[in-house]
């Protein structure tokens, strides 16, 4: 953008194959009462993230267990 300021943007995609997923379901008892229940299943899903030159990683979807904003550390070497 200028000689002293550069903006870098990277798209990071990751495919999880048959990963464990936790979801909330309901359980109906014999007397008709309904209770919340946690279910663990295997499922494949895609995670999408966007990395900026400001050293922050922004989640672009809600797949997987992670924070919405993740600080990044980068190294650069020029020879």
PDB file of N, CA and C in Angstrom:
ATOM      1  N   UNK A   1       0.818  -1.178   0.000  1.00  0.00           N
ATOM      2  CA  UNK A   1       0.000   0.000   0.000  1.00  0.00           C
ATOM      3  C   UNK A   1       0.872   1.255   0.000  1.00  0.00           C
ATOM      4  N   UNK A   2       1.895   1.268   0.848  1.00  0.00           N
ATOM      5  CA  UNK A   2       2.908   2.320   0.807  1.00  0.00           C
ATOM      6  C   UNK A   2       4.259   1.639   1.001  1.00  0.00           C
ATOM      7  N   UNK A   3       5.336   2.422   0.992  1.00  0.00           N
ATOM      8  CA  UNK A   3       6.661   1.836   1.158  1.00  0.00           C
ATOM      9  C   UNK A   3       6.867   1.253   2.549  1.00  0.00           C
ATOM     10  N   UNK A   4       6.187   1.794   3.559  1.00  0.00           N
ATOM     11  CA  UNK A   4       6.407   1.338   4.925  1.00  0.00           C
ATOM     12  C   UNK A   4       5.253   0.509   5.471  1.00  0.00           C
ATOM     13  N   UNK A   5       4.198   0.356   4.720  1.00  0.00           N
ATOM     14  CA  UNK A   5       3.032  -0.390   5.197  1.00  0.00           C
ATOM     15  C   UNK A   5       2.588  -1.376   4.128  1.00  0.00           C
ATOM     16  N   UNK A   6       2.479  -2.632   4.499  1.00  0.00           N
ATOM     17  CA  UNK A   6       2.044  -3.680   3.580  1.00  0.00           C
ATOM     18  C   UNK A   6       0.906  -4.456   4.225  1.00  0.00           C
ATOM     19  N   UNK A   7      -0.106  -4.736   3.459  1.00  0.00           N
ATOM     20  CA  UNK A   7      -1.231  -5.530   3.943  1.00  0.00           C
ATOM     21  C   UNK A   7      -1.183  -6.887   3.257  1.00  0.00           C
ATOM     22  N   UNK A   8      -1.130  -7.941   4.047  1.00  0.00           N
ATOM     23  CA  UNK A   8      -1.114  -9.298   3.513  1.00  0.00           C
ATOM     24  C   UNK A   8      -2.341 -10.038   4.023  1.00  0.00           C
ATOM     25  N   UNK A   9      -3.009 -10.771   3.131  1.00  0.00           N
ATOM     26  CA  UNK A   9      -4.195 -11.550   3.486  1.00  0.00           C
ATOM     27  C   UNK A   9      -4.035 -12.953   2.929  1.00  0.00           C
ATOM     28  N   UNK A  10      -4.256 -13.954   3.775  1.00  0.00           N
ATOM     29  CA  UNK A  10      -4.166 -15.357   3.363  1.00  0.00           C
ATOM     30  C   UNK A  10      -5.448 -16.074   3.752  1.00  0.00           C
ATOM     31  N   UNK A  11      -5.918 -16.948   2.862  1.00  0.00           N
ATOM     32  CA  UNK A  11      -7.056 -17.813   3.157  1.00  0.00           C
ATOM     33  C   UNK A  11      -6.514 -19.188   3.517  1.00  0.00           C
ATOM     34  N   UNK A  12      -6.946 -19.721   4.649  1.00  0.00           N
ATOM     35  CA  UNK A  12      -6.498 -21.032   5.104  1.00  0.00           C
ATOM     36  C   UNK A  12      -7.700 -21.962   5.187  1.00  0.00           C
ATOM     37  N   UNK A  13      -7.678 -23.043   4.419  1.00  0.00           N
ATOM     38  CA  UNK A  13      -8.742 -24.028   4.458  1.00  0.00           C
ATOM     39  C   UNK A  13      -8.210 -25.357   4.959  1.00  0.00           C
ATOM     40  N   UNK A  14      -8.993 -26.024   5.785  1.00  0.00           N
ATOM     41  CA  UNK A  14      -8.561 -27.293   6.349  1.00  0.00           C
ATOM     42  C   UNK A  14      -9.752 -28.238   6.383  1.00  0.00           C
ATOM     43  N   UNK A  15      -9.580 -29.460   5.887  1.00  0.00           N
ATOM     44  CA  UNK A  15     -10.631 -30.476   5.875  1.00  0.00           C
ATOM     45  C   UNK A  15     -10.379 -31.483   6.984  1.00  0.00           C
ATOM     46  N   UNK A  16     -11.350 -31.659   7.861  1.00  0.00           N
ATOM     47  CA  UNK A  16     -11.269 -32.632   8.941  1.00  0.00           C
ATOM     48  C   UNK A  16     -12.042 -33.877   8.519  1.00  0.00           C
ATOM     49  N   UNK A  17     -11.382 -35.024   8.461  1.00  0.00           N
ATOM     50  CA  UNK A  17     -12.016 -36.272   8.036  1.00  0.00           C
ATOM     51  C   UNK A  17     -12.396 -37.113   9.249  1.00  0.00           C
ATOM     52  N   UNK A  18     -13.673 -37.465   9.331  1.00  0.00           N
ATOM     53  CA  UNK A  18     -14.199 -38.312  10.409  1.00  0.00           C
ATOM     54  C   UNK A  18     -13.759 -37.850  11.793  1.00  0.00           C
ATOM     55  N   UNK A  19     -13.874 -36.565  12.038  1.00  0.00           N
ATOM     56  CA  UNK A  19     -13.500 -35.991  13.331  1.00  0.00           C
ATOM     57  C   UNK A  19     -14.659 -36.131  14.315  1.00  0.00           C
ATOM     58  N   UNK A  20     -14.340 -36.160  15.586  1.00  0.00           N
ATOM     59  CA  UNK A  20     -15.370 -36.221  16.629  1.00  0.00           C
ATOM     60  C   UNK A  20     -16.074 -34.877  16.715  1.00  0.00           C
ATOM     61  N   UNK A  21     -17.412 -34.909  16.730  1.00  0.00           N
ATOM     62  CA  UNK A  21     -18.235 -33.703  16.839  1.00  0.00           C
ATOM     63  C   UNK A  21     -19.135 -33.835  18.056  1.00  0.00           C
ATOM     64  N   UNK A  22     -19.314 -32.757  18.797  1.00  0.00           N
ATOM     65  CA  UNK A  22     -20.196 -32.735  19.955  1.00  0.00           C
ATOM     66  C   UNK A  22     -21.401 -31.879  19.597  1.00  0.00           C
ATOM     67  N   UNK A  23     -22.596 -32.397  19.826  1.00  0.00           N
ATOM     68  CA  UNK A  23     -23.810 -31.646  19.545  1.00  0.00           C
ATOM     69  C   UNK A  23     -24.816 -31.861  20.670  1.00  0.00           C
ATOM     70  N   UNK A  24     -25.751 -30.938  20.783  1.00  0.00           N
ATOM     71  CA  UNK A  24     -26.777 -31.045  21.805  1.00  0.00           C
ATOM     72  C   UNK A  24     -28.033 -31.632  21.179  1.00  0.00           C
ATOM     73  N   UNK A  25     -28.564 -32.692  21.794  1.00  0.00           N
ATOM     74  CA  UNK A  25     -29.796 -33.324  21.342  1.00  0.00           C
ATOM     75  C   UNK A  25     -30.748 -33.402  22.535  1.00  0.00           C
ATOM     76  N   UNK A  26     -31.887 -34.030  22.337  1.00  0.00           N
ATOM     77  CA  UNK A  26     -32.843 -34.197  23.427  1.00  0.00           C
ATOM     78  C   UNK A  26     -33.101 -35.676  23.656  1.00  0.00           C
ATOM     79  N   UNK A  27     -33.450 -35.987  24.887  1.00  0.00           N
ATOM     80  CA  UNK A  27     -33.778 -37.358  25.287  1.00  0.00           C
ATOM     81  C   UNK A  27     -35.197 -37.352  25.842  1.00  0.00           C
ATOM     82  N   UNK A  28     -36.057 -38.225  25.321  1.00  0.00           N
ATOM     83  CA  UNK A  28     -37.432 -38.320  25.812  1.00  0.00           C
ATOM     84  C   UNK A  28     -37.541 -39.539  26.725  1.00  0.00           C
ATOM     85  N   UNK A  29     -37.894 -39.306  27.990  1.00  0.00           N
ATOM     86  CA  UNK A  29     -38.033 -40.375  28.974  1.00  0.00           C
ATOM     87  C   UNK A  29     -39.349 -41.119  28.752  1.00  0.00           C
ATOM     88  N   UNK A  30     -39.511 -42.251  29.413  1.00  0.00           N
ATOM     89  CA  UNK A  30     -40.709 -43.076  29.268  1.00  0.00           C
ATOM     90  C   UNK A  30     -41.964 -42.337  29.736  1.00  0.00           C
ATOM     91  N   UNK A  31     -41.805 -41.399  30.684  1.00  0.00           N
ATOM     92  CA  UNK A  31     -42.971 -40.644  31.161  1.00  0.00           C
ATOM     93  C   UNK A  31     -43.276 -39.430  30.289  1.00  0.00           C
ATOM     94  N   UNK A  32     -42.530 -39.226  29.188  1.00  0.00           N
ATOM     95  CA  UNK A  32     -42.777 -38.118  28.263  1.00  0.00           C
ATOM     96  C   UNK A  32     -41.954 -36.880  28.545  1.00  0.00           C
ATOM     97  N   UNK A  33     -41.202 -36.866  29.644  1.00  0.00           N
ATOM     98  CA  UNK A  33     -40.365 -35.710  29.958  1.00  0.00           C
ATOM     99  C   UNK A  33     -39.195 -35.643  28.969  1.00  0.00           C
ATOM    100  N   UNK A  34     -38.821 -34.429  28.601  1.00  0.00           N
ATOM    101  CA  UNK A  34     -37.738 -34.209  27.642  1.00  0.00           C
ATOM    102  C   UNK A  34     -36.552 -33.584  28.373  1.00  0.00           C
ATOM    103  N   UNK A  35     -35.356 -34.152  28.163  1.00  0.00           N
ATOM    104  CA  UNK A  35     -34.137 -33.679  28.805  1.00  0.00           C
ATOM    105  C   UNK A  35     -33.075 -33.389  27.750  1.00  0.00           C
ATOM    106  N   UNK A  36     -32.224 -32.369  27.991  1.00  0.00           N
ATOM    107  CA  UNK A  36     -31.107 -32.134  27.067  1.00  0.00           C
ATOM    108  C   UNK A  36     -30.065 -33.244  27.202  1.00  0.00           C
ATOM    109  N   UNK A  37     -29.438 -33.563  26.091  1.00  0.00           N
ATOM    110  CA  UNK A  37     -28.432 -34.625  26.072  1.00  0.00           C
ATOM    111  C   UNK A  37     -27.307 -34.216  25.129  1.00  0.00           C
ATOM    112  N   UNK A  38     -26.093 -34.627  25.453  1.00  0.00           N
ATOM    113  CA  UNK A  38     -24.942 -34.359  24.597  1.00  0.00           C
ATOM    114  C   UNK A  38     -24.641 -35.613  23.798  1.00  0.00           C
ATOM    115  N   UNK A  39     -24.476 -35.454  22.483  1.00  0.00           N
ATOM    116  CA  UNK A  39     -24.172 -36.588  21.607  1.00  0.00           C
ATOM    117  C   UNK A  39     -22.803 -36.362  20.963  1.00  0.00           C
ATOM    118  N   UNK A  40     -22.031 -37.428  20.831  1.00  0.00           N
ATOM    119  CA  UNK A  40     -20.730 -37.380  20.164  1.00  0.00           C
ATOM    120  C   UNK A  40     -20.831 -38.240  18.913  1.00  0.00           C
ATOM    121  N   UNK A  41     -20.550 -37.622  17.760  1.00  0.00           N
ATOM    122  CA  UNK A  41     -20.640 -38.327  16.485  1.00  0.00           C
ATOM    123  C   UNK A  41     -19.353 -38.118  15.693  1.00  0.00           C
ATOM    124  N   UNK A  42     -19.168 -38.931  14.675  1.00  0.00           N
ATOM    125  CA  UNK A  42     -18.062 -38.754  13.728  1.00  0.00           C
ATOM    126  C   UNK A  42     -18.602 -38.068  12.486  1.00  0.00           C
ATOM    127  N   UNK A  43     -17.920 -37.022  12.056  1.00  0.00           N
ATOM    128  CA  UNK A  43     -18.350 -36.299  10.858  1.00  0.00           C
ATOM    129  C   UNK A  43     -17.147 -35.613  10.221  1.00  0.00           C
ATOM    130  N   UNK A  44     -17.197 -35.419   8.926  1.00  0.00           N
ATOM    131  CA  UNK A  44     -16.182 -34.652   8.209  1.00  0.00           C
ATOM    132  C   UNK A  44     -16.697 -33.235   8.022  1.00  0.00           C
ATOM    133  N   UNK A  45     -15.796 -32.257   8.107  1.00  0.00           N
ATOM    134  CA  UNK A  45     -16.189 -30.871   7.922  1.00  0.00           C
ATOM    135  C   UNK A  45     -15.010 -30.051   7.436  1.00  0.00           C
ATOM    136  N   UNK A  46     -15.310 -28.884   6.913  1.00  0.00           N
ATOM    137  CA  UNK A  46     -14.324 -27.949   6.377  1.00  0.00           C
ATOM    138  C   UNK A  46     -14.199 -26.769   7.327  1.00  0.00           C
ATOM    139  N   UNK A  47     -12.968 -26.382   7.703  1.00  0.00           N
ATOM    140  CA  UNK A  47     -12.711 -25.186   8.487  1.00  0.00           C
ATOM    141  C   UNK A  47     -12.111 -24.131   7.565  1.00  0.00           C
ATOM    142  N   UNK A  48     -12.613 -22.904   7.661  1.00  0.00           N
ATOM    143  CA  UNK A  48     -12.100 -21.805   6.853  1.00  0.00           C
ATOM    144  C   UNK A  48     -11.647 -20.686   7.768  1.00  0.00           C
ATOM    145  N   UNK A  49     -10.456 -20.134   7.478  1.00  0.00           N
ATOM    146  CA  UNK A  49      -9.912 -19.028   8.266  1.00  0.00           C
ATOM    147  C   UNK A  49      -9.291 -18.005   7.328  1.00  0.00           C
ATOM    148  N   UNK A  50      -9.151 -16.802   7.836  1.00  0.00           N
ATOM    149  CA  UNK A  50      -8.555 -15.712   7.076  1.00  0.00           C
ATOM    150  C   UNK A  50      -7.455 -15.110   7.934  1.00  0.00           C
ATOM    151  N   UNK A  51      -6.223 -15.057   7.424  1.00  0.00           N
ATOM    152  CA  UNK A  51      -5.097 -14.480   8.160  1.00  0.00           C
ATOM    153  C   UNK A  51      -4.731 -13.149   7.519  1.00  0.00           C
ATOM    154  N   UNK A  52      -4.478 -12.162   8.361  1.00  0.00           N
ATOM    155  CA  UNK A  52      -4.106 -10.844   7.855  1.00  0.00           C
ATOM    156  C   UNK A  52      -2.669 -10.530   8.228  1.00  0.00           C
ATOM    157  N   UNK A  53      -2.113  -9.522   7.618  1.00  0.00           N
ATOM    158  CA  UNK A  53      -0.767  -9.076   7.933  1.00  0.00           C
ATOM    159  C   UNK A  53      -0.674  -8.395   9.286  1.00  0.00           C
ATOM    160  N   UNK A  54      -1.807  -8.195   9.926  1.00  0.00           N
ATOM    161  CA  UNK A  54      -1.805  -7.594  11.255  1.00  0.00           C
ATOM    162  C   UNK A  54      -1.596  -8.642  12.331  1.00  0.00           C
ATOM    163  N   UNK A  55      -1.270  -9.866  11.942  1.00  0.00           N
ATOM    164  CA  UNK A  55      -0.962 -10.973  12.846  1.00  0.00           C
ATOM    165  C   UNK A  55      -2.160 -11.435  13.656  1.00  0.00           C
ATOM    166  N   UNK A  56      -3.338 -11.477  13.022  1.00  0.00           N
ATOM    167  CA  UNK A  56      -4.535 -12.020  13.648  1.00  0.00           C
ATOM    168  C   UNK A  56      -5.165 -13.023  12.691  1.00  0.00           C
ATOM    169  N   UNK A  57      -5.710 -14.115  13.215  1.00  0.00           N
ATOM    170  CA  UNK A  57      -6.394 -15.131  12.423  1.00  0.00           C
ATOM    171  C   UNK A  57      -7.869 -15.069  12.784  1.00  0.00           C
ATOM    172  N   UNK A  58      -8.722 -14.823  11.783  1.00  0.00           N
ATOM    173  CA  UNK A  58     -10.159 -14.687  11.993  1.00  0.00           C
ATOM    174  C   UNK A  58     -10.870 -15.936  11.492  1.00  0.00           C
ATOM    175  N   UNK A  59     -11.673 -16.566  12.335  1.00  0.00           N
ATOM    176  CA  UNK A  59     -12.455 -17.733  11.922  1.00  0.00           C
ATOM    177  C   UNK A  59     -13.558 -17.274  10.959  1.00  0.00           C
ATOM    178  N   UNK A  60     -13.735 -17.987   9.862  1.00  0.00           N
ATOM    179  CA  UNK A  60     -14.734 -17.636   8.864  1.00  0.00           C
ATOM    180  C   UNK A  60     -15.980 -18.513   8.941  1.00  0.00           C
ATOM    181  N   UNK A  61     -15.974 -19.501   9.816  1.00  0.00           N
ATOM    182  CA  UNK A  61     -17.130 -20.372  10.002  1.00  0.00           C
ATOM    183  C   UNK A  61     -17.149 -20.852  11.448  1.00  0.00           C
ATOM    184  N   UNK A  62     -18.101 -21.678  11.785  1.00  0.00           N
ATOM    185  CA  UNK A  62     -18.245 -22.150  13.161  1.00  0.00           C
ATOM    186  C   UNK A  62     -17.991 -23.640  13.270  1.00  0.00           C
ATOM    187  N   UNK A  63     -17.098 -24.183  12.452  1.00  0.00           N
ATOM    188  CA  UNK A  63     -16.774 -25.597  12.485  1.00  0.00           C
ATOM    189  C   UNK A  63     -15.544 -25.814  13.347  1.00  0.00           C
ATOM    190  N   UNK A  64     -15.610 -26.767  14.231  1.00  0.00           N
ATOM    191  CA  UNK A  64     -14.456 -27.078  15.072  1.00  0.00           C
ATOM    192  C   UNK A  64     -14.405 -26.227  16.321  1.00  0.00           C
ATOM    193  N   UNK A  65     -13.574 -26.628  17.246  1.00  0.00           N
ATOM    194  CA  UNK A  65     -13.422 -25.940  18.517  1.00  0.00           C
ATOM    195  C   UNK A  65     -12.212 -25.014  18.428  1.00  0.00           C
ATOM    196  N   UNK A  66     -12.467 -23.705  18.370  1.00  0.00           N
ATOM    197  CA  UNK A  66     -11.392 -22.718  18.275  1.00  0.00           C
ATOM    198  C   UNK A  66     -11.946 -21.348  18.613  1.00  0.00           C
ATOM    199  N   UNK A  67     -11.059 -20.406  18.872  1.00  0.00           N
ATOM    200  CA  UNK A  67     -11.459 -19.028  19.141  1.00  0.00           C
ATOM    201  C   UNK A  67     -11.821 -18.336  17.842  1.00  0.00           C
ATOM    202  N   UNK A  68     -12.576 -17.242  17.956  1.00  0.00           N
ATOM    203  CA  UNK A  68     -12.928 -16.484  16.758  1.00  0.00           C
ATOM    204  C   UNK A  68     -11.750 -15.666  16.235  1.00  0.00           C
ATOM    205  N   UNK A  69     -10.906 -15.160  17.136  1.00  0.00           N
ATOM    206  CA  UNK A  69      -9.718 -14.405  16.731  1.00  0.00           C
ATOM    207  C   UNK A  69      -8.507 -15.029  17.423  1.00  0.00           C
ATOM    208  N   UNK A  70      -7.486 -15.395  16.640  1.00  0.00           N
ATOM    209  CA  UNK A  70      -6.299 -16.060  17.164  1.00  0.00           C
ATOM    210  C   UNK A  70      -5.072 -15.240  16.782  1.00  0.00           C
ATOM    211  N   UNK A  71      -4.245 -14.813  17.749  1.00  0.00           N
ATOM    212  CA  UNK A  71      -3.015 -14.087  17.385  1.00  0.00           C
ATOM    213  C   UNK A  71      -2.031 -15.036  16.696  1.00  0.00           C
ATOM    214  N   UNK A  72      -1.337 -14.528  15.684  1.00  0.00           N
ATOM    215  CA  UNK A  72      -0.369 -15.320  14.936  1.00  0.00           C
ATOM    216  C   UNK A  72       1.039 -14.799  15.182  1.00  0.00           C
ATOM    217  N   UNK A  73       2.006 -15.682  15.053  1.00  0.00           N
ATOM    218  CA  UNK A  73       3.412 -15.286  15.122  1.00  0.00           C
ATOM    219  C   UNK A  73       4.042 -15.681  13.787  1.00  0.00           C
ATOM    220  N   UNK A  74       4.699 -14.748  13.158  1.00  0.00           N
ATOM    221  CA  UNK A  74       5.307 -15.026  11.863  1.00  0.00           C
ATOM    222  C   UNK A  74       6.796 -14.685  11.852  1.00  0.00           C
ATOM    223  N   UNK A  75       7.534 -15.425  11.062  1.00  0.00           N
ATOM    224  CA  UNK A  75       8.965 -15.166  10.878  1.00  0.00           C
ATOM    225  C   UNK A  75       9.231 -14.916   9.401  1.00  0.00           C
ATOM    226  N   UNK A  76      10.138 -14.006   9.145  1.00  0.00           N
ATOM    227  CA  UNK A  76      10.509 -13.701   7.771  1.00  0.00           C
ATOM    228  C   UNK A  76      12.027 -13.606   7.700  1.00  0.00           C
ATOM    229  N   UNK A  77      12.585 -14.128   6.604  1.00  0.00           N
ATOM    230  CA  UNK A  77      14.033 -14.094   6.424  1.00  0.00           C
ATOM    231  C   UNK A  77      14.322 -13.726   4.981  1.00  0.00           C
ATOM    232  N   UNK A  78      15.167 -12.755   4.794  1.00  0.00           N
ATOM    233  CA  UNK A  78      15.560 -12.326   3.455  1.00  0.00           C
ATOM    234  C   UNK A  78      17.060 -12.476   3.313  1.00  0.00           C
ATOM    235  N   UNK A  79      17.507 -13.028   2.170  1.00  0.00           N
ATOM    236  CA  UNK A  79      18.949 -13.172   1.962  1.00  0.00           C
ATOM    237  C   UNK A  79      19.319 -12.647   0.597  1.00  0.00           C
TER     238      UNK A  79
END
